[in-house]
Amino acid sequence: MSQQQVSVRKQQELQLHYTNYKNSLQQIAQKIGDIEQEIEEHKLVLETLGPIPEDRKCFRMIHGVLVERTVKDIAPDLQTNLENLKKVLDDLMKQYKSKQDEMDKWKVSLPDRPSSREIPDG
């Protein structure tokens, strides 16, 4: 193999690694956005249910089935779900940071730093 073919192949491998890192980061960011939206929805529902009497009927969708309960029954479940979502969000944020750090270390560890044209920063 000629030197040029080796260089092209190495560049393709580097680009593949970079693309894999970026795709992973993008997937985690998408999950973070979804969880943040769910957290906001749970907060909104809990705020709405706050001033309502505990014995009042309310409805909740569980696995595609609308069930009738009371505010007293639903509010604690929503609060528990909210806390669990916050934990999941924290874990995803740690995963994102870890993957970002891993990618940064990989970029720095490259033997002959490619130009910014070959591996863009953002």
Protein backbone atom coordinates (compact mmCIF):
# COMPACT_ATOMS: atom_id res chain seq x y z
CA MET A 1 0.00 0.00 0.00
CA SER A 2 1.21 3.44 -0.78
CA GLN A 3 1.67 6.12 1.86
CA GLN A 4 -1.28 8.04 0.43
CA GLN A 5 -3.62 5.04 0.77
CA VAL A 6 -2.56 4.56 4.40
CA SER A 7 -3.16 8.23 5.10
CA VAL A 8 -6.61 8.16 3.50
CA ARG A 9 -7.53 5.01 5.42
CA LYS A 10 -6.33 6.51 8.71
CA GLN A 11 -8.30 9.67 8.03
CA GLN A 12 -11.43 7.58 7.37
CA GLU A 13 -10.93 5.68 10.62
CA LEU A 14 -10.50 8.91 12.55
CA GLN A 15 -13.63 10.34 10.97
CA LEU A 16 -15.54 7.17 11.86
CA HIS A 17 -14.45 7.40 15.52
CA TYR A 18 -15.38 11.06 15.60
CA THR A 19 -18.78 10.37 14.03
CA ASN A 20 -19.45 7.62 16.57
CA TYR A 21 -18.63 9.96 19.46
CA LYS A 22 -20.83 12.70 18.04
CA ASN A 23 -23.73 10.31 17.44
CA SER A 24 -23.50 9.00 21.00
CA LEU A 25 -23.49 12.53 22.37
CA GLN A 26 -26.45 13.45 20.20
CA GLN A 27 -28.46 10.42 21.36
CA ILE A 28 -27.77 11.20 25.02
CA ALA A 29 -28.68 14.86 24.46
CA GLN A 30 -31.98 13.78 22.87
CA LYS A 31 -32.77 11.58 25.87
CA ILE A 32 -31.90 14.46 28.20
CA GLY A 33 -34.31 16.71 26.32
CA ASP A 34 -37.09 14.11 26.52
CA ILE A 35 -36.60 13.62 30.26
CA GLU A 36 -36.51 17.38 30.88
CA GLN A 37 -39.83 17.69 29.06
CA GLU A 38 -41.37 14.90 31.13
CA ILE A 39 -40.12 16.56 34.33
CA GLU A 40 -41.76 19.84 33.33
CA GLU A 41 -45.03 18.04 32.54
CA HIS A 42 -45.00 16.30 35.93
CA LYS A 43 -44.31 19.61 37.70
CA LEU A 44 -47.16 21.29 35.84
CA VAL A 45 -49.62 18.52 36.76
CA LEU A 46 -48.53 18.56 40.40
CA GLU A 47 -48.92 22.36 40.54
CA THR A 48 -52.38 22.03 39.01
CA LEU A 49 -53.43 19.32 41.47
CA GLY A 50 -52.02 21.19 44.48
CA PRO A 51 -55.03 23.38 45.34
CA ILE A 52 -57.63 20.75 44.37
CA PRO A 53 -59.39 18.80 47.17
CA GLU A 54 -57.87 15.34 47.70
CA ASP A 55 -61.18 13.53 47.26
CA ARG A 56 -61.83 15.01 43.82
CA LYS A 57 -61.86 12.63 40.85
CA CYS A 58 -59.04 12.81 38.36
CA PHE A 59 -57.91 10.68 35.46
CA ARG A 60 -54.52 9.27 34.59
CA MET A 61 -53.26 7.49 31.52
CA ILE A 62 -51.42 4.30 32.46
CA HIS A 63 -50.01 2.26 29.58
CA GLY A 64 -52.60 3.67 27.20
CA VAL A 65 -55.54 3.06 29.55
CA LEU A 66 -57.35 5.98 31.15
CA VAL A 67 -58.02 5.19 34.81
CA GLU A 68 -60.15 7.10 37.30
CA ARG A 69 -58.63 7.85 40.68
CA THR A 70 -58.66 10.61 43.26
CA VAL A 71 -56.12 13.38 43.62
CA LYS A 72 -55.06 11.73 46.89
CA ASP A 73 -54.15 8.55 44.98
CA ILE A 74 -52.45 10.19 42.02
CA ALA A 75 -50.35 12.98 43.58
CA PRO A 76 -47.92 10.72 45.49
CA ASP A 77 -47.37 8.57 42.40
CA LEU A 78 -46.62 11.66 40.33
CA GLN A 79 -44.21 12.94 42.97
CA THR A 80 -42.40 9.59 43.02
CA ASN A 81 -42.21 9.58 39.22
CA LEU A 82 -40.87 13.13 39.27
CA GLU A 83 -38.10 12.20 41.71
CA ASN A 84 -37.19 9.14 39.61
CA LEU A 85 -37.08 11.26 36.45
CA LYS A 86 -34.72 13.70 38.18
CA LYS A 87 -32.41 10.79 39.08
CA VAL A 88 -32.48 9.54 35.49
CA LEU A 89 -31.70 13.06 34.27
CA ASP A 90 -28.71 13.29 36.63
CA ASP A 91 -27.43 9.93 35.36
CA LEU A 92 -27.82 11.03 31.74
CA MET A 93 -26.00 14.29 32.43
CA LYS A 94 -23.12 12.28 33.96
CA GLN A 95 -23.10 9.97 30.93
CA TYR A 96 -22.99 12.96 28.59
CA LYS A 97 -20.13 14.57 30.51
CA SER A 98 -18.24 11.28 30.62
CA LYS A 99 -18.66 10.71 26.87
CA GLN A 100 -17.64 14.32 26.15
CA ASP A 101 -14.51 13.92 28.32
CA GLU A 102 -13.73 10.61 26.60
CA MET A 103 -14.00 12.28 23.20
CA ASP A 104 -11.81 15.20 24.29
CA LYS A 105 -9.13 12.81 25.59
CA TRP A 106 -9.31 10.88 22.33
CA LYS A 107 -8.80 14.07 20.33
CA VAL A 108 -5.79 15.04 22.44
CA SER A 109 -4.27 11.56 22.27
CA LEU A 110 -4.12 11.49 18.48
CA PRO A 111 -0.50 10.97 17.50
CA ASP A 112 -0.40 13.59 14.77
CA ARG A 113 -3.15 16.07 15.47
CA PRO A 114 -5.32 16.28 12.36
CA SER A 115 -6.29 19.64 11.11
CA SER A 116 -9.56 21.12 12.27
CA ARG A 117 -10.82 20.44 8.77
CA GLU A 118 -10.47 16.68 9.29
CA ILE A 119 -12.04 16.49 12.76
CA PRO A 120 -14.22 19.49 13.54
CA ASP A 121 -14.80 20.58 17.15
CA GLY A 122 -18.50 20.98 17.03
